[in-house]
Amino acid sequence: MPKFYMAYHEPTDVPDDKKAEMQAAYKAWIAKYADVFEMPETPFKAQWTVDGDGHREGFKQPMMGFCVINAPDADTALAIASENSFIQMGTIHLAELMEMPKG
């Protein structure tokens, strides 16, 4: 079954009371789709950008974390991502993972 990478990009200013509400909705979404998670809730701490000029702290669009889900197709993965309460405060990037041949 295809696997999809779902990246959570940091929201802009979100009031504390809204954060608690969003967290509860996010936990409900995780519970609803528990059977599709290949790698659930993988939050990030410190982040760096590395390029030909060296490295620097942070990303252009900071990420909060990611998960990997199993879905039969992109439409299903998009439907699952669209129900994630995180989109009310931040951005989700979704990408199908490609299996590389071994050897």
C-alpha atoms as a PDB file:
ATOM      1  CA  MET A   1       0.000   0.000   0.000  1.00  0.00           C
ATOM      2  CA  PRO A   2       1.333   3.474  -0.803  1.00  0.00           C
ATOM      3  CA  LYS A   3       2.812   5.531   2.038  1.00  0.00           C
ATOM      4  CA  PHE A   4       2.389   9.286   2.360  1.00  0.00           C
ATOM      5  CA  TYR A   5       4.592  11.753   4.255  1.00  0.00           C
ATOM      6  CA  MET A   6       2.586  14.458   6.026  1.00  0.00           C
ATOM      7  CA  ALA A   7       4.690  17.423   7.208  1.00  0.00           C
ATOM      8  CA  TYR A   8       3.325  19.894   9.752  1.00  0.00           C
ATOM      9  CA  HIS A   9       4.554  23.440   9.158  1.00  0.00           C
ATOM     10  CA  GLU A  10       4.563  25.819  12.076  1.00  0.00           C
ATOM     11  CA  PRO A  11       1.525  28.019  12.445  1.00  0.00           C
ATOM     12  CA  THR A  12       1.603  31.751  12.836  1.00  0.00           C
ATOM     13  CA  ASP A  13       0.400  33.353  16.053  1.00  0.00           C
ATOM     14  CA  VAL A  14      -2.172  31.103  17.706  1.00  0.00           C
ATOM     15  CA  PRO A  15      -3.722  32.147  21.042  1.00  0.00           C
ATOM     16  CA  ASP A  16      -3.123  29.718  23.926  1.00  0.00           C
ATOM     17  CA  ASP A  17      -6.832  28.929  24.325  1.00  0.00           C
ATOM     18  CA  LYS A  18      -7.018  28.035  20.625  1.00  0.00           C
ATOM     19  CA  LYS A  19      -3.920  25.798  20.935  1.00  0.00           C
ATOM     20  CA  ALA A  20      -5.605  23.658  23.591  1.00  0.00           C
ATOM     21  CA  GLU A  21      -8.723  23.320  21.436  1.00  0.00           C
ATOM     22  CA  MET A  22      -6.637  22.387  18.380  1.00  0.00           C
ATOM     23  CA  GLN A  23      -4.599  19.852  20.381  1.00  0.00           C
ATOM     24  CA  ALA A  24      -7.778  18.099  21.530  1.00  0.00           C
ATOM     25  CA  ALA A  25      -9.112  17.986  17.957  1.00  0.00           C
ATOM     26  CA  TYR A  26      -5.733  16.702  16.711  1.00  0.00           C
ATOM     27  CA  LYS A  27      -5.749  13.881  19.285  1.00  0.00           C
ATOM     28  CA  ALA A  28      -9.270  12.927  18.145  1.00  0.00           C
ATOM     29  CA  TRP A  29      -8.049  12.859  14.507  1.00  0.00           C
ATOM     30  CA  ILE A  30      -5.099  10.621  15.516  1.00  0.00           C
ATOM     31  CA  ALA A  31      -7.511   8.243  17.269  1.00  0.00           C
ATOM     32  CA  LYS A  32      -9.925   8.192  14.303  1.00  0.00           C
ATOM     33  CA  TYR A  33      -7.181   7.219  11.850  1.00  0.00           C
ATOM     34  CA  ALA A  34      -4.998   5.133  14.194  1.00  0.00           C
ATOM     35  CA  ASP A  35      -5.008   2.190  11.777  1.00  0.00           C
ATOM     36  CA  VAL A  36      -3.453   4.169   8.874  1.00  0.00           C
ATOM     37  CA  PHE A  37      -0.344   5.397  10.698  1.00  0.00           C
ATOM     38  CA  GLU A  38       2.949   3.860   9.646  1.00  0.00           C
ATOM     39  CA  MET A  39       4.831   6.410  11.769  1.00  0.00           C
ATOM     40  CA  PRO A  40       2.542   8.573  13.931  1.00  0.00           C
ATOM     41  CA  GLU A  41       3.307  11.861  15.668  1.00  0.00           C
ATOM     42  CA  THR A  42       6.990  12.569  15.112  1.00  0.00           C
ATOM     43  CA  PRO A  43       7.652  16.082  16.487  1.00  0.00           C
ATOM     44  CA  PHE A  44      10.821  18.079  15.878  1.00  0.00           C
ATOM     45  CA  LYS A  45      13.025  20.002  18.263  1.00  0.00           C
ATOM     46  CA  ALA A  46      15.946  22.090  16.929  1.00  0.00           C
ATOM     47  CA  GLN A  47      16.129  22.536  13.138  1.00  0.00           C
ATOM     48  CA  TRP A  48      18.896  23.541  10.735  1.00  0.00           C
ATOM     49  CA  THR A  49      19.245  24.344   7.057  1.00  0.00           C
ATOM     50  CA  VAL A  50      22.366  22.928   5.376  1.00  0.00           C
ATOM     51  CA  ASP A  51      23.465  24.073   1.915  1.00  0.00           C
ATOM     52  CA  GLY A  52      26.591  24.945  -0.068  1.00  0.00           C
ATOM     53  CA  ASP A  53      27.140  28.019   2.121  1.00  0.00           C
ATOM     54  CA  GLY A  54      27.246  25.996   5.334  1.00  0.00           C
ATOM     55  CA  HIS A  55      24.529  25.616   7.922  1.00  0.00           C
ATOM     56  CA  ARG A  56      22.243  27.874   9.887  1.00  0.00           C
ATOM     57  CA  GLU A  57      19.596  27.362  12.487  1.00  0.00           C
ATOM     58  CA  GLY A  58      15.989  27.117  11.338  1.00  0.00           C
ATOM     59  CA  PHE A  59      14.031  26.480   8.150  1.00  0.00           C
ATOM     60  CA  LYS A  60      12.459  28.973   5.763  1.00  0.00           C
ATOM     61  CA  GLN A  61       9.092  27.564   6.845  1.00  0.00           C
ATOM     62  CA  PRO A  62       9.676  25.920  10.262  1.00  0.00           C
ATOM     63  CA  MET A  63       8.273  22.435  10.751  1.00  0.00           C
ATOM     64  CA  MET A  64       6.655  21.096  13.889  1.00  0.00           C
ATOM     65  CA  GLY A  65       6.971  17.461  12.846  1.00  0.00           C
ATOM     66  CA  PHE A  66       5.623  14.810  10.526  1.00  0.00           C
ATOM     67  CA  CYS A  67       3.863  11.483  10.262  1.00  0.00           C
ATOM     68  CA  VAL A  68       3.691   8.738   7.655  1.00  0.00           C
ATOM     69  CA  ILE A  69       0.340   7.213   6.736  1.00  0.00           C
ATOM     70  CA  ASN A  70      -0.731   4.271   4.588  1.00  0.00           C
ATOM     71  CA  ALA A  71      -3.475   5.010   2.067  1.00  0.00           C
ATOM     72  CA  PRO A  72      -4.629   3.209  -1.077  1.00  0.00           C
ATOM     73  CA  ASP A  73      -4.256   6.354  -3.185  1.00  0.00           C
ATOM     74  CA  ALA A  74      -3.571  10.098  -3.130  1.00  0.00           C
ATOM     75  CA  ASP A  75      -7.263  11.011  -2.954  1.00  0.00           C
ATOM     76  CA  THR A  76      -7.669   9.014   0.252  1.00  0.00           C
ATOM     77  CA  ALA A  77      -4.487  10.495   1.745  1.00  0.00           C
ATOM     78  CA  LEU A  78      -5.677  14.005   0.855  1.00  0.00           C
ATOM     79  CA  ALA A  79      -9.078  13.330   2.438  1.00  0.00           C
ATOM     80  CA  ILE A  80      -7.395  12.141   5.654  1.00  0.00           C
ATOM     81  CA  ALA A  81      -5.071  15.178   5.712  1.00  0.00           C
ATOM     82  CA  SER A  82      -8.010  17.514   5.049  1.00  0.00           C
ATOM     83  CA  GLU A  83      -9.693  16.339   8.255  1.00  0.00           C
ATOM     84  CA  ASN A  84      -6.619  17.129  10.358  1.00  0.00           C
ATOM     85  CA  SER A  85      -7.415  20.039  12.689  1.00  0.00           C
ATOM     86  CA  PHE A  86      -3.833  21.288  12.273  1.00  0.00           C
ATOM     87  CA  ILE A  87      -4.851  23.000   9.014  1.00  0.00           C
ATOM     88  CA  GLN A  88      -6.873  25.500  11.041  1.00  0.00           C
ATOM     89  CA  MET A  89      -3.652  26.981  12.394  1.00  0.00           C
ATOM     90  CA  GLY A  90      -0.795  25.814  10.159  1.00  0.00           C
ATOM     91  CA  THR A  91       0.047  24.157   6.859  1.00  0.00           C
ATOM     92  CA  ILE A  92       0.358  20.495   5.955  1.00  0.00           C
ATOM     93  CA  HIS A  93       2.480  19.297   3.050  1.00  0.00           C
ATOM     94  CA  LEU A  94       1.601  15.824   1.763  1.00  0.00           C
ATOM     95  CA  ALA A  95       3.816  13.705  -0.495  1.00  0.00           C
ATOM     96  CA  GLU A  96       3.672  10.105  -1.644  1.00  0.00           C
ATOM     97  CA  LEU A  97       6.814   8.189  -0.706  1.00  0.00           C
ATOM     98  CA  MET A  98       8.645   6.342  -3.453  1.00  0.00           C
ATOM     99  CA  GLU A  99      10.203   2.956  -2.802  1.00  0.00           C
ATOM    100  CA  MET A 100      13.713   2.695  -4.158  1.00  0.00           C
ATOM    101  CA  PRO A 101      14.962  -0.613  -5.526  1.00  0.00           C
ATOM    102  CA  LYS A 102      17.366  -2.403  -3.220  1.00  0.00           C
ATOM    103  CA  GLY A 103      20.850  -3.162  -4.411  1.00  0.00           C
END
